[in-house]
Amino acid sequence: MIKVLFFADSHLGFDFPIRPRIHRRRRGWDFFKNYQLILDTAVEVGVDALVHGGDVFFRSKIPIPIIQKTYEPLLPVLERGIKMFFVPGNHERSRLPASPIFHHKNFHLFDRPRSFSFDMNGLKTTWGGFPNIRHQVQKDFPAHLAQIGFESESTALQILCIHQSIEDAVVGAQNYTFRKGPDVVGRDQFPDYLDLVLSGHIHRQQILRSRTGTPIIYSGSIERTSFAERLETKGFFILNLSKDEINWEFRPLPARSMHEMTLASNQLDRQNLIKVILEQSEKIPDDAIFRIRSGVEKQLEILKIADLRKVLPESMNIELLPPVGKTRYTWSAYSD
């Protein structure tokens, strides 16, 4: 039996400007702390393999300091003899930034459809995967799978590592469910010779089954990246694998709570607006992510986010948004 740690969608670099113009609490540290916690856990529980299911970074163009901050903690884990398997996701545009760590004997990158075979604790394993297919995945999926080289009659445990949307996956506060389509892999597209599928891309942790019963595991993201995820528990999976048995345990990660309020549209007095915001802030944790949505655009001329940051707890992340349906004001994880 082998022990595997599976996580995905770390989105490192989110809200982590290298030269910030404004001093305020940054959410980027939360992502890196959970990332390090996962790597520490891999060592503490003695896993044989660690799999990252894609979207290591928040976007494709990443500053060098963030790339270094991401790759450097991997080396001590690799030196412990833990094998790593990384899938490039859509945020990396299916290609991870190059690093010398890619040449480590225990680091394995699915930079193209390929497989790696090992005898691990007496168990024959084949790890296959490919980078995120960004368009027409339903059409291209069979060809990519064929290029990996899995065997239909193999005695090895065959594990597929991908970063895709899969039929019946559920996301968001409204429980949107993906249906089979051009950019969604059908559950009937997974052949029965696969023993396990590990996928990133969907930010809610969940377990599906292929039409033939193969477990399809989404670990979800390691932190909340949007308010659509405000009700989701973030974490990673520890799996115990053998040819005859597969079991798993989901382990939660710390994630700061998200709260939202909408200002009354008839309130245009600055002092009263600040008063109601302060009253609401007292009902939520001091380290919450607090989104304040204006009722009318005029309120954005009266209220300034810099003023709110002066009166609200410094440990709180604050967003000030326009009314629903308006896009004049936009927030970016890389702004200020």
C-alpha atoms as a PDB file:
ATOM      1  CA  MET A   1       0.000   0.000   0.000  1.00  0.00           C
ATOM      2  CA  ILE A   2       1.170   3.545  -0.694  1.00  0.00           C
ATOM      3  CA  LYS A   3       0.167   6.848   0.870  1.00  0.00           C
ATOM      4  CA  VAL A   4      -0.525   9.854  -1.374  1.00  0.00           C
ATOM      5  CA  LEU A   5      -1.220  13.514  -0.631  1.00  0.00           C
ATOM      6  CA  PHE A   6      -3.355  15.202  -3.281  1.00  0.00           C
ATOM      7  CA  PHE A   7      -4.043  18.937  -3.544  1.00  0.00           C
ATOM      8  CA  ALA A   8      -4.712  21.435  -6.317  1.00  0.00           C
ATOM      9  CA  ASP A   9      -5.521  25.023  -7.226  1.00  0.00           C
ATOM     10  CA  SER A  10      -3.075  26.719  -4.881  1.00  0.00           C
ATOM     11  CA  HIS A  11      -3.201  29.948  -6.960  1.00  0.00           C
ATOM     12  CA  LEU A  12       0.035  31.237  -5.478  1.00  0.00           C
ATOM     13  CA  GLY A  13       0.607  34.896  -6.246  1.00  0.00           C
ATOM     14  CA  PHE A  14      -3.016  35.851  -5.609  1.00  0.00           C
ATOM     15  CA  ASP A  15      -3.049  39.274  -3.897  1.00  0.00           C
ATOM     16  CA  PHE A  16       0.733  39.184  -3.511  1.00  0.00           C
ATOM     17  CA  PRO A  17       2.157  42.288  -5.228  1.00  0.00           C
ATOM     18  CA  ILE A  18       5.945  42.469  -5.134  1.00  0.00           C
ATOM     19  CA  ARG A  19       6.010  46.259  -4.710  1.00  0.00           C
ATOM     20  CA  PRO A  20       2.690  47.245  -3.104  1.00  0.00           C
ATOM     21  CA  ARG A  21       1.748  50.894  -3.347  1.00  0.00           C
ATOM     22  CA  ILE A  22      -0.500  50.725  -0.286  1.00  0.00           C
ATOM     23  CA  HIS A  23       0.127  49.099   3.074  1.00  0.00           C
ATOM     24  CA  ARG A  24      -2.755  46.763   3.924  1.00  0.00           C
ATOM     25  CA  ARG A  25      -3.306  43.139   4.796  1.00  0.00           C
ATOM     26  CA  ARG A  26      -2.663  40.890   1.816  1.00  0.00           C
ATOM     27  CA  ARG A  27      -4.498  37.640   1.213  1.00  0.00           C
ATOM     28  CA  GLY A  28      -1.507  36.229  -0.632  1.00  0.00           C
ATOM     29  CA  TRP A  29       0.146  35.151   2.622  1.00  0.00           C
ATOM     30  CA  ASP A  30      -2.879  32.939   3.425  1.00  0.00           C
ATOM     31  CA  PHE A  31      -2.288  30.944   0.242  1.00  0.00           C
ATOM     32  CA  PHE A  32       1.414  30.484   0.922  1.00  0.00           C
ATOM     33  CA  LYS A  33       0.782  29.458   4.543  1.00  0.00           C
ATOM     34  CA  ASN A  34      -1.641  26.733   3.480  1.00  0.00           C
ATOM     35  CA  TYR A  35       0.761  25.647   0.739  1.00  0.00           C
ATOM     36  CA  GLN A  36       3.549  25.229   3.306  1.00  0.00           C
ATOM     37  CA  LEU A  37       1.182  23.462   5.701  1.00  0.00           C
ATOM     38  CA  ILE A  38       0.430  20.912   2.980  1.00  0.00           C
ATOM     39  CA  LEU A  39       4.119  20.310   2.278  1.00  0.00           C
ATOM     40  CA  ASP A  40       4.819  19.949   6.011  1.00  0.00           C
ATOM     41  CA  THR A  41       1.977  17.442   6.311  1.00  0.00           C
ATOM     42  CA  ALA A  42       3.411  15.383   3.445  1.00  0.00           C
ATOM     43  CA  VAL A  43       6.626  14.993   5.438  1.00  0.00           C
ATOM     44  CA  GLU A  44       4.933  14.471   8.815  1.00  0.00           C
ATOM     45  CA  VAL A  45       2.625  11.659   7.680  1.00  0.00           C
ATOM     46  CA  GLY A  46       5.305  10.093   5.491  1.00  0.00           C
ATOM     47  CA  VAL A  47       3.551  10.037   2.137  1.00  0.00           C
ATOM     48  CA  ASP A  48       5.117   8.189  -0.770  1.00  0.00           C
ATOM     49  CA  ALA A  49       3.835  10.631  -3.367  1.00  0.00           C
ATOM     50  CA  LEU A  50       2.488  14.165  -3.579  1.00  0.00           C
ATOM     51  CA  VAL A  51       0.245  15.234  -6.479  1.00  0.00           C
ATOM     52  CA  HIS A  52      -0.600  18.805  -7.427  1.00  0.00           C
ATOM     53  CA  GLY A  53      -3.631  18.878  -9.710  1.00  0.00           C
ATOM     54  CA  GLY A  54      -2.864  22.178 -11.443  1.00  0.00           C
ATOM     55  CA  ASP A  55      -3.170  25.948 -11.130  1.00  0.00           C
ATOM     56  CA  VAL A  56      -0.060  26.172  -8.999  1.00  0.00           C
ATOM     57  CA  PHE A  57       0.015  29.897  -9.746  1.00  0.00           C
ATOM     58  CA  PHE A  58      -2.669  32.558  -9.952  1.00  0.00           C
ATOM     59  CA  ARG A  59      -1.829  33.560 -13.515  1.00  0.00           C
ATOM     60  CA  SER A  60       0.572  32.699 -16.325  1.00  0.00           C
ATOM     61  CA  LYS A  61       2.942  35.682 -15.968  1.00  0.00           C
ATOM     62  CA  ILE A  62       4.397  35.392 -12.486  1.00  0.00           C
ATOM     63  CA  PRO A  63       7.142  37.559 -10.929  1.00  0.00           C
ATOM     64  CA  ILE A  64      10.375  35.678 -10.309  1.00  0.00           C
ATOM     65  CA  PRO A  65      10.252  36.132  -6.502  1.00  0.00           C
ATOM     66  CA  ILE A  66       6.885  34.325  -6.386  1.00  0.00           C
ATOM     67  CA  ILE A  67       8.199  31.524  -8.607  1.00  0.00           C
ATOM     68  CA  GLN A  68      11.160  31.103  -6.256  1.00  0.00           C
ATOM     69  CA  LYS A  69       8.932  31.252  -3.173  1.00  0.00           C
ATOM     70  CA  THR A  70       6.822  28.467  -4.695  1.00  0.00           C
ATOM     71  CA  TYR A  71       9.527  26.077  -5.862  1.00  0.00           C
ATOM     72  CA  GLU A  72      12.109  26.424  -3.064  1.00  0.00           C
ATOM     73  CA  PRO A  73       9.984  24.691  -0.356  1.00  0.00           C
ATOM     74  CA  LEU A  74       9.644  21.661  -2.628  1.00  0.00           C
ATOM     75  CA  LEU A  75      13.316  20.708  -2.451  1.00  0.00           C
ATOM     76  CA  PRO A  76      13.364  19.513   1.207  1.00  0.00           C
ATOM     77  CA  VAL A  77      10.294  17.376   0.457  1.00  0.00           C
ATOM     78  CA  LEU A  78      11.874  15.872  -2.668  1.00  0.00           C
ATOM     79  CA  GLU A  79      15.067  15.139  -0.730  1.00  0.00           C
ATOM     80  CA  ARG A  80      12.971  13.025   1.667  1.00  0.00           C
ATOM     81  CA  GLY A  81      12.354  10.656  -1.226  1.00  0.00           C
ATOM     82  CA  ILE A  82       8.757  11.761  -1.801  1.00  0.00           C
ATOM     83  CA  LYS A  83       7.829  11.608  -5.462  1.00  0.00           C
ATOM     84  CA  MET A  84       5.992  14.624  -6.842  1.00  0.00           C
ATOM     85  CA  PHE A  85       3.637  14.825  -9.804  1.00  0.00           C
ATOM     86  CA  PHE A  86       2.579  18.261 -11.097  1.00  0.00           C
ATOM     87  CA  VAL A  87      -0.124  19.045 -13.663  1.00  0.00           C
ATOM     88  CA  PRO A  88       0.036  22.456 -15.420  1.00  0.00           C
ATOM     89  CA  GLY A  89      -3.394  24.103 -15.171  1.00  0.00           C
ATOM     90  CA  ASN A  90      -5.303  26.685 -17.156  1.00  0.00           C
ATOM     91  CA  HIS A  91      -4.032  29.577 -15.021  1.00  0.00           C
ATOM     92  CA  GLU A  92      -0.510  28.654 -16.144  1.00  0.00           C
ATOM     93  CA  ARG A  93      -1.839  28.346 -19.702  1.00  0.00           C
ATOM     94  CA  SER A  94      -0.885  24.671 -19.505  1.00  0.00           C
ATOM     95  CA  ARG A  95       2.806  25.384 -18.884  1.00  0.00           C
ATOM     96  CA  LEU A  96       4.607  25.884 -15.572  1.00  0.00           C
ATOM     97  CA  PRO A  97       7.480  28.404 -15.330  1.00  0.00           C
ATOM     98  CA  ALA A  98      10.756  26.520 -15.802  1.00  0.00           C
ATOM     99  CA  SER A  99      12.931  25.676 -12.808  1.00  0.00           C
ATOM    100  CA  PRO A 100      16.047  23.586 -12.098  1.00  0.00           C
ATOM    101  CA  ILE A 101      13.897  21.638  -9.655  1.00  0.00           C
ATOM    102  CA  PHE A 102      12.232  19.993 -12.652  1.00  0.00           C
ATOM    103  CA  HIS A 103      15.449  17.959 -13.071  1.00  0.00           C
ATOM    104  CA  HIS A 104      15.245  16.429  -9.594  1.00  0.00           C
ATOM    105  CA  LYS A 105      14.890  12.658  -9.816  1.00  0.00           C
ATOM    106  CA  ASN A 106      11.733  12.724  -7.700  1.00  0.00           C
ATOM    107  CA  PHE A 107       9.972  15.563  -9.555  1.00  0.00           C
ATOM    108  CA  HIS A 108       7.676  14.539 -12.408  1.00  0.00           C
ATOM    109  CA  LEU A 109       5.908  17.052 -14.617  1.00  0.00           C
ATOM    110  CA  PHE A 110       3.021  16.300 -16.954  1.00  0.00           C
ATOM    111  CA  ASP A 111       4.191  18.870 -19.485  1.00  0.00           C
ATOM    112  CA  ARG A 112       2.691  16.702 -22.240  1.00  0.00           C
ATOM    113  CA  PRO A 113       0.658  13.470 -22.297  1.00  0.00           C
ATOM    114  CA  ARG A 114       3.007  11.015 -20.617  1.00  0.00           C
ATOM    115  CA  SER A 115       3.339   8.436 -17.858  1.00  0.00           C
ATOM    116  CA  PHE A 116       5.813   7.467 -15.137  1.00  0.00           C
ATOM    117  CA  SER A 117       6.019   3.910 -13.778  1.00  0.00           C
ATOM    118  CA  PHE A 118       7.439   2.937 -10.388  1.00  0.00           C
ATOM    119  CA  ASP A 119       7.523   0.059  -7.965  1.00  0.00           C
ATOM    120  CA  MET A 120       6.455   1.743  -4.698  1.00  0.00           C
ATOM    121  CA  ASN A 121       6.459  -0.345  -1.521  1.00  0.00           C
ATOM    122  CA  GLY A 122       6.111  -3.453  -3.672  1.00  0.00           C
ATOM    123  CA  LEU A 123       3.160  -1.965  -5.560  1.00  0.00           C
ATOM    124  CA  LYS A 124       3.491  -1.402  -9.285  1.00  0.00           C
ATOM    125  CA  THR A 125       2.145   2.023 -10.185  1.00  0.00           C
ATOM    126  CA  THR A 126       1.699   3.995 -13.390  1.00  0.00           C
ATOM    127  CA  TRP A 127       1.092   7.720 -13.055  1.00  0.00           C
ATOM    128  CA  GLY A 128      -0.275   9.309 -16.214  1.00  0.00           C
ATOM    129  CA  GLY A 129      -1.408  12.789 -17.052  1.00  0.00           C
ATOM    130  CA  PHE A 130      -1.306  15.811 -19.324  1.00  0.00           C
ATOM    131  CA  PRO A 131      -1.577  19.610 -19.053  1.00  0.00           C
ATOM    132  CA  ASN A 132      -4.948  21.327 -19.037  1.00  0.00           C
ATOM    133  CA  ILE A 133      -6.721  21.104 -22.388  1.00  0.00           C
ATOM    134  CA  ARG A 134      -8.057  24.631 -22.684  1.00  0.00           C
ATOM    135  CA  HIS A 135     -10.528  24.140 -25.544  1.00  0.00           C
ATOM    136  CA  GLN A 136     -12.531  21.246 -26.988  1.00  0.00           C
ATOM    137  CA  VAL A 137     -11.471  18.826 -24.250  1.00  0.00           C
ATOM    138  CA  GLN A 138     -14.258  16.364 -24.989  1.00  0.00           C
ATOM    139  CA  LYS A 139     -12.957  15.923 -28.531  1.00  0.00           C
ATOM    140  CA  ASP A 140      -9.233  15.811 -27.629  1.00  0.00           C
ATOM    141  CA  PHE A 141      -9.484  13.815 -24.402  1.00  0.00           C
ATOM    142  CA  PRO A 142      -9.365  10.309 -25.987  1.00  0.00           C
ATOM    143  CA  ALA A 143      -6.245  11.157 -28.037  1.00  0.00           C
ATOM    144  CA  HIS A 144      -4.431  12.569 -25.008  1.00  0.00           C
ATOM    145  CA  LEU A 145      -5.373   9.510 -22.991  1.00  0.00           C
ATOM    146  CA  ALA A 146      -4.056   7.213 -25.721  1.00  0.00           C
ATOM    147  CA  GLN A 147      -0.730   9.073 -25.825  1.00  0.00           C
ATOM    148  CA  ILE A 148      -0.176   8.446 -22.109  1.00  0.00           C
ATOM    149  CA  GLY A 149       0.276   4.737 -22.743  1.00  0.00           C
ATOM    150  CA  PHE A 150      -1.879   3.118 -20.059  1.00  0.00           C
ATOM    151  CA  GLU A 151      -2.387  -0.638 -20.549  1.00  0.00           C
ATOM    152  CA  SER A 152      -5.847  -2.138 -20.634  1.00  0.00           C
ATOM    153  CA  GLU A 153      -4.672  -5.362 -18.937  1.00  0.00           C
ATOM    154  CA  SER A 154      -2.027  -3.903 -16.621  1.00  0.00           C
ATOM    155  CA  THR A 155      -1.338  -5.355 -13.184  1.00  0.00           C
ATOM    156  CA  ALA A 156      -0.114  -1.925 -12.063  1.00  0.00           C
ATOM    157  CA  LEU A 157      -2.245   0.633 -10.240  1.00  0.00           C
ATOM    158  CA  GLN A 158      -3.060   3.182 -12.982  1.00  0.00           C
ATOM    159  CA  ILE A 159      -3.672   6.749 -11.840  1.00  0.00           C
ATOM    160  CA  LEU A 160      -4.707   9.611 -14.133  1.00  0.00           C
ATOM    161  CA  CYS A 161      -3.778  13.184 -13.091  1.00  0.00           C
ATOM    162  CA  ILE A 162      -5.567  16.010 -14.927  1.00  0.00           C
ATOM    163  CA  HIS A 163      -6.925  19.547 -14.595  1.00  0.00           C
ATOM    164  CA  GLN A 164     -10.350  19.629 -16.237  1.00  0.00           C
ATOM    165  CA  SER A 165     -14.071  20.170 -15.750  1.00  0.00           C
ATOM    166  CA  ILE A 166     -15.862  16.832 -15.527  1.00  0.00           C
ATOM    167  CA  GLU A 167     -19.522  16.016 -15.973  1.00  0.00           C
ATOM    168  CA  ASP A 168     -21.610  16.344 -12.759  1.00  0.00           C
ATOM    169  CA  ALA A 169     -18.992  18.396 -10.873  1.00  0.00           C
ATOM    170  CA  VAL A 170     -20.690  21.040  -8.725  1.00  0.00           C
ATOM    171  CA  VAL A 171     -19.440  24.575  -8.053  1.00  0.00           C
ATOM    172  CA  GLY A 172     -20.485  27.835  -6.420  1.00  0.00           C
ATOM    173  CA  ALA A 173     -23.037  28.904  -3.852  1.00  0.00           C
ATOM    174  CA  GLN A 174     -25.816  28.150  -6.360  1.00  0.00           C
ATOM    175  CA  ASN A 175     -24.562  24.565  -6.929  1.00  0.00           C
ATOM    176  CA  TYR A 176     -24.002  24.935 -10.643  1.00  0.00           C
ATOM    177  CA  THR A 177     -23.563  21.453 -12.156  1.00  0.00           C
ATOM    178  CA  PHE A 178     -21.399  20.825 -15.226  1.00  0.00           C
ATOM    179  CA  ARG A 179     -23.018  18.916 -18.056  1.00  0.00           C
ATOM    180  CA  LYS A 180     -21.122  16.994 -20.706  1.00  0.00           C
ATOM    181  CA  GLY A 181     -20.164  19.333 -23.525  1.00  0.00           C
ATOM    182  CA  PRO A 182     -17.277  20.549 -25.713  1.00  0.00           C
ATOM    183  CA  ASP A 183     -15.262  21.813 -22.723  1.00  0.00           C
ATOM    184  CA  VAL A 184     -16.434  19.237 -20.169  1.00  0.00           C
ATOM    185  CA  VAL A 185     -15.157  15.653 -19.959  1.00  0.00           C
ATOM    186  CA  GLY A 186     -17.962  13.099 -19.839  1.00  0.00           C
ATOM    187  CA  ARG A 187     -17.956  10.516 -17.055  1.00  0.00           C
ATOM    188  CA  ASP A 188     -18.279   7.877 -19.776  1.00  0.00           C
ATOM    189  CA  GLN A 189     -14.949   8.953 -21.296  1.00  0.00           C
ATOM    190  CA  PHE A 190     -12.861   7.348 -18.536  1.00  0.00           C
ATOM    191  CA  PRO A 191     -11.887   3.773 -19.486  1.00  0.00           C
ATOM    192  CA  ASP A 192     -12.362   0.978 -16.988  1.00  0.00           C
ATOM    193  CA  TYR A 193      -8.630   0.210 -16.796  1.00  0.00           C
ATOM    194  CA  LEU A 194      -8.115   3.371 -14.717  1.00  0.00           C
ATOM    195  CA  ASP A 195      -8.029   2.779 -10.965  1.00  0.00           C
ATOM    196  CA  LEU A 196      -8.164   6.424  -9.885  1.00  0.00           C
ATOM    197  CA  VAL A 197      -8.545   9.928 -11.350  1.00  0.00           C
ATOM    198  CA  LEU A 198      -7.144  12.984  -9.531  1.00  0.00           C
ATOM    199  CA  SER A 199      -8.241  16.320 -10.964  1.00  0.00           C
ATOM    200  CA  GLY A 200      -7.807  19.986 -10.260  1.00  0.00           C
ATOM    201  CA  HIS A 201      -9.759  22.941 -11.710  1.00  0.00           C
ATOM    202  CA  ILE A 202     -12.986  22.677  -9.679  1.00  0.00           C
ATOM    203  CA  HIS A 203     -12.563  24.617  -6.437  1.00  0.00           C
ATOM    204  CA  ARG A 204     -15.029  22.631  -4.329  1.00  0.00           C
ATOM    205  CA  GLN A 205     -13.762  19.335  -2.915  1.00  0.00           C
ATOM    206  CA  GLN A 206     -15.921  16.434  -4.102  1.00  0.00           C
ATOM    207  CA  ILE A 207     -15.798  12.855  -5.298  1.00  0.00           C
ATOM    208  CA  LEU A 208     -17.436  11.660  -8.503  1.00  0.00           C
ATOM    209  CA  ARG A 209     -17.486   8.271 -10.188  1.00  0.00           C
ATOM    210  CA  SER A 210     -16.897   7.376 -13.795  1.00  0.00           C
ATOM    211  CA  ARG A 211     -19.599   5.359 -15.556  1.00  0.00           C
ATOM    212  CA  THR A 212     -17.586   2.228 -14.696  1.00  0.00           C
ATOM    213  CA  GLY A 213     -17.154   3.215 -11.029  1.00  0.00           C
ATOM    214  CA  THR A 214     -13.623   4.664 -10.974  1.00  0.00           C
ATOM    215  CA  PRO A 215     -13.255   7.313  -8.227  1.00  0.00           C
ATOM    216  CA  ILE A 216     -12.720  10.836  -9.587  1.00  0.00           C
ATOM    217  CA  ILE A 217     -11.409  13.089  -6.823  1.00  0.00           C
ATOM    218  CA  TYR A 218     -11.379  16.882  -6.750  1.00  0.00           C
ATOM    219  CA  SER A 219      -9.420  18.206  -3.787  1.00  0.00           C
ATOM    220  CA  GLY A 220     -10.680  21.758  -4.381  1.00  0.00           C
ATOM    221  CA  SER A 221      -8.620  24.912  -3.932  1.00  0.00           C
ATOM    222  CA  ILE A 222      -6.453  25.506  -0.860  1.00  0.00           C
ATOM    223  CA  GLU A 223      -8.033  28.915  -0.148  1.00  0.00           C
ATOM    224  CA  ARG A 224     -11.150  30.831  -1.169  1.00  0.00           C
ATOM    225  CA  THR A 225     -10.501  32.846  -4.305  1.00  0.00           C
ATOM    226  CA  SER A 226     -14.000  34.325  -4.723  1.00  0.00           C
ATOM    227  CA  PHE A 227     -17.209  34.909  -2.797  1.00  0.00           C
ATOM    228  CA  ALA A 228     -18.782  32.043  -4.737  1.00  0.00           C
ATOM    229  CA  GLU A 229     -16.635  29.797  -2.488  1.00  0.00           C
ATOM    230  CA  ARG A 230     -17.573  31.459   0.799  1.00  0.00           C
ATOM    231  CA  LEU A 231     -19.427  28.392   2.120  1.00  0.00           C
ATOM    232  CA  GLU A 232     -16.823  25.839   1.040  1.00  0.00           C
ATOM    233  CA  THR A 233     -14.357  24.071   3.320  1.00  0.00           C
ATOM    234  CA  LYS A 234     -10.862  24.128   1.834  1.00  0.00           C
ATOM    235  CA  GLY A 235      -8.323  21.346   2.207  1.00  0.00           C
ATOM    236  CA  PHE A 236      -6.548  18.378   0.666  1.00  0.00           C
ATOM    237  CA  PHE A 237      -6.767  14.574   0.556  1.00  0.00           C
ATOM    238  CA  ILE A 238      -4.632  11.834   2.063  1.00  0.00           C
ATOM    239  CA  LEU A 239      -5.157   8.592   0.131  1.00  0.00           C
ATOM    240  CA  ASN A 240      -4.109   5.016   0.845  1.00  0.00           C
ATOM    241  CA  LEU A 241      -3.817   3.022  -2.352  1.00  0.00           C
ATOM    242  CA  SER A 242      -3.435  -0.628  -3.215  1.00  0.00           C
ATOM    243  CA  LYS A 243      -4.526  -2.613  -6.248  1.00  0.00           C
ATOM    244  CA  ASP A 244      -7.461  -4.004  -4.271  1.00  0.00           C
ATOM    245  CA  GLU A 245      -8.433  -1.028  -2.117  1.00  0.00           C
ATOM    246  CA  ILE A 246      -8.508   2.774  -2.311  1.00  0.00           C
ATOM    247  CA  ASN A 247      -9.530   4.897   0.636  1.00  0.00           C
ATOM    248  CA  TRP A 248      -9.200   8.586   1.378  1.00  0.00           C
ATOM    249  CA  GLU A 249      -9.435  11.208   4.083  1.00  0.00           C
ATOM    250  CA  PHE A 250     -10.167  14.903   3.506  1.00  0.00           C
ATOM    251  CA  ARG A 251      -8.177  17.253   5.739  1.00  0.00           C
ATOM    252  CA  PRO A 252      -9.451  20.831   6.136  1.00  0.00           C
ATOM    253  CA  LEU A 253      -7.212  23.886   5.891  1.00  0.00           C
ATOM    254  CA  PRO A 254      -7.691  27.222   7.656  1.00  0.00           C
ATOM    255  CA  ALA A 255      -9.602  29.715   5.523  1.00  0.00           C
ATOM    256  CA  ARG A 256     -10.738  33.164   6.586  1.00  0.00           C
ATOM    257  CA  SER A 257     -14.472  33.768   6.546  1.00  0.00           C
ATOM    258  CA  MET A 258     -16.129  35.914   3.880  1.00  0.00           C
ATOM    259  CA  HIS A 259     -18.947  38.377   4.603  1.00  0.00           C
ATOM    260  CA  GLU A 260     -20.918  40.786   2.430  1.00  0.00           C
ATOM    261  CA  MET A 261     -23.292  43.681   3.052  1.00  0.00           C
ATOM    262  CA  THR A 262     -25.223  45.906   0.653  1.00  0.00           C
ATOM    263  CA  LEU A 263     -25.752  49.543   1.573  1.00  0.00           C
ATOM    264  CA  ALA A 264     -29.257  50.991   1.487  1.00  0.00           C
ATOM    265  CA  SER A 265     -29.669  52.932  -1.752  1.00  0.00           C
ATOM    266  CA  ASN A 266     -31.321  55.897  -0.002  1.00  0.00           C
ATOM    267  CA  GLN A 267     -28.397  56.427   2.376  1.00  0.00           C
ATOM    268  CA  LEU A 268     -26.131  59.216   1.069  1.00  0.00           C
ATOM    269  CA  ASP A 269     -24.712  60.674   4.273  1.00  0.00           C
ATOM    270  CA  ARG A 270     -21.035  59.774   4.701  1.00  0.00           C
ATOM    271  CA  GLN A 271     -21.072  59.562   8.504  1.00  0.00           C
ATOM    272  CA  ASN A 272     -24.144  57.368   8.569  1.00  0.00           C
ATOM    273  CA  LEU A 273     -22.717  55.118   5.854  1.00  0.00           C
ATOM    274  CA  ILE A 274     -19.551  54.595   7.885  1.00  0.00           C
ATOM    275  CA  LYS A 275     -21.653  54.023  11.010  1.00  0.00           C
ATOM    276  CA  VAL A 276     -23.692  51.182   9.482  1.00  0.00           C
ATOM    277  CA  ILE A 277     -20.532  49.618   8.051  1.00  0.00           C
ATOM    278  CA  LEU A 278     -18.858  49.714  11.464  1.00  0.00           C
ATOM    279  CA  GLU A 279     -21.938  48.203  13.090  1.00  0.00           C
ATOM    280  CA  GLN A 280     -21.862  45.333  10.610  1.00  0.00           C
ATOM    281  CA  SER A 281     -18.107  44.835  11.035  1.00  0.00           C
ATOM    282  CA  GLU A 282     -18.574  44.277  14.764  1.00  0.00           C
ATOM    283  CA  LYS A 283     -20.653  41.181  13.981  1.00  0.00           C
ATOM    284  CA  ILE A 284     -17.903  39.442  11.996  1.00  0.00           C
ATOM    285  CA  PRO A 285     -14.348  38.276  12.827  1.00  0.00           C
ATOM    286  CA  ASP A 286     -11.587  40.891  12.783  1.00  0.00           C
ATOM    287  CA  ASP A 287      -9.684  38.901  10.145  1.00  0.00           C
ATOM    288  CA  ALA A 288     -12.677  38.431   7.851  1.00  0.00           C
ATOM    289  CA  ILE A 289     -12.848  39.253   4.167  1.00  0.00           C
ATOM    290  CA  PHE A 290     -15.486  41.972   4.124  1.00  0.00           C
ATOM    291  CA  ARG A 291     -17.173  42.995   0.882  1.00  0.00           C
ATOM    292  CA  ILE A 292     -19.274  46.151   0.917  1.00  0.00           C
ATOM    293  CA  ARG A 293     -21.542  46.643  -2.063  1.00  0.00           C
ATOM    294  CA  SER A 294     -22.959  50.092  -2.715  1.00  0.00           C
ATOM    295  CA  GLY A 295     -26.669  50.486  -3.312  1.00  0.00           C
ATOM    296  CA  VAL A 296     -26.190  53.323  -5.806  1.00  0.00           C
ATOM    297  CA  GLU A 297     -23.105  54.604  -7.647  1.00  0.00           C
ATOM    298  CA  LYS A 298     -23.306  57.944  -5.827  1.00  0.00           C
ATOM    299  CA  GLN A 299     -22.119  56.152  -2.677  1.00  0.00           C
ATOM    300  CA  LEU A 300     -18.785  55.400  -4.388  1.00  0.00           C
ATOM    301  CA  GLU A 301     -18.198  59.145  -4.616  1.00  0.00           C
ATOM    302  CA  ILE A 302     -18.989  59.598  -0.933  1.00  0.00           C
ATOM    303  CA  LEU A 303     -17.113  56.563   0.399  1.00  0.00           C
ATOM    304  CA  LYS A 304     -13.474  55.814  -0.320  1.00  0.00           C
ATOM    305  CA  ILE A 305     -11.910  52.459   0.463  1.00  0.00           C
ATOM    306  CA  ALA A 306      -8.891  54.215   1.977  1.00  0.00           C
ATOM    307  CA  ASP A 307     -11.188  55.833   4.551  1.00  0.00           C
ATOM    308  CA  LEU A 308     -12.779  52.489   5.384  1.00  0.00           C
ATOM    309  CA  ARG A 309      -9.378  50.915   5.944  1.00  0.00           C
ATOM    310  CA  LYS A 310      -8.634  53.598   8.541  1.00  0.00           C
ATOM    311  CA  VAL A 311     -11.679  52.780  10.668  1.00  0.00           C
ATOM    312  CA  LEU A 312     -11.996  49.014  10.177  1.00  0.00           C
ATOM    313  CA  PRO A 313      -9.598  46.477  11.740  1.00  0.00           C
ATOM    314  CA  GLU A 314      -6.229  46.379  10.005  1.00  0.00           C
ATOM    315  CA  SER A 315      -6.465  42.572   9.957  1.00  0.00           C
ATOM    316  CA  MET A 316      -9.589  42.719   7.767  1.00  0.00           C
ATOM    317  CA  ASN A 317      -9.563  42.574   3.972  1.00  0.00           C
ATOM    318  CA  ILE A 318     -12.023  45.096   2.547  1.00  0.00           C
ATOM    319  CA  GLU A 319     -13.608  45.397  -0.873  1.00  0.00           C
ATOM    320  CA  LEU A 320     -15.875  48.233  -2.003  1.00  0.00           C
ATOM    321  CA  LEU A 321     -18.014  47.341  -4.994  1.00  0.00           C
ATOM    322  CA  PRO A 322     -20.487  49.127  -7.279  1.00  0.00           C
ATOM    323  CA  PRO A 323     -24.181  48.236  -7.333  1.00  0.00           C
ATOM    324  CA  VAL A 324     -25.185  44.899  -8.828  1.00  0.00           C
ATOM    325  CA  GLY A 325     -24.954  45.087 -12.611  1.00  0.00           C
ATOM    326  CA  LYS A 326     -22.501  47.987 -12.637  1.00  0.00           C
ATOM    327  CA  THR A 327     -18.863  47.466 -13.627  1.00  0.00           C
ATOM    328  CA  ARG A 328     -17.334  50.924 -13.319  1.00  0.00           C
ATOM    329  CA  TYR A 329     -15.304  49.811 -10.306  1.00  0.00           C
ATOM    330  CA  THR A 330     -13.283  46.631 -10.557  1.00  0.00           C
ATOM    331  CA  TRP A 331     -11.044  44.965  -7.990  1.00  0.00           C
ATOM    332  CA  SER A 332      -7.920  43.085  -8.920  1.00  0.00           C
ATOM    333  CA  ALA A 333      -5.806  40.742  -6.853  1.00  0.00           C
ATOM    334  CA  TYR A 334      -2.821  42.704  -8.160  1.00  0.00           C
ATOM    335  CA  SER A 335      -4.202  46.215  -7.550  1.00  0.00           C
ATOM    336  CA  ASP A 336      -2.597  48.732  -5.109  1.00  0.00           C
END
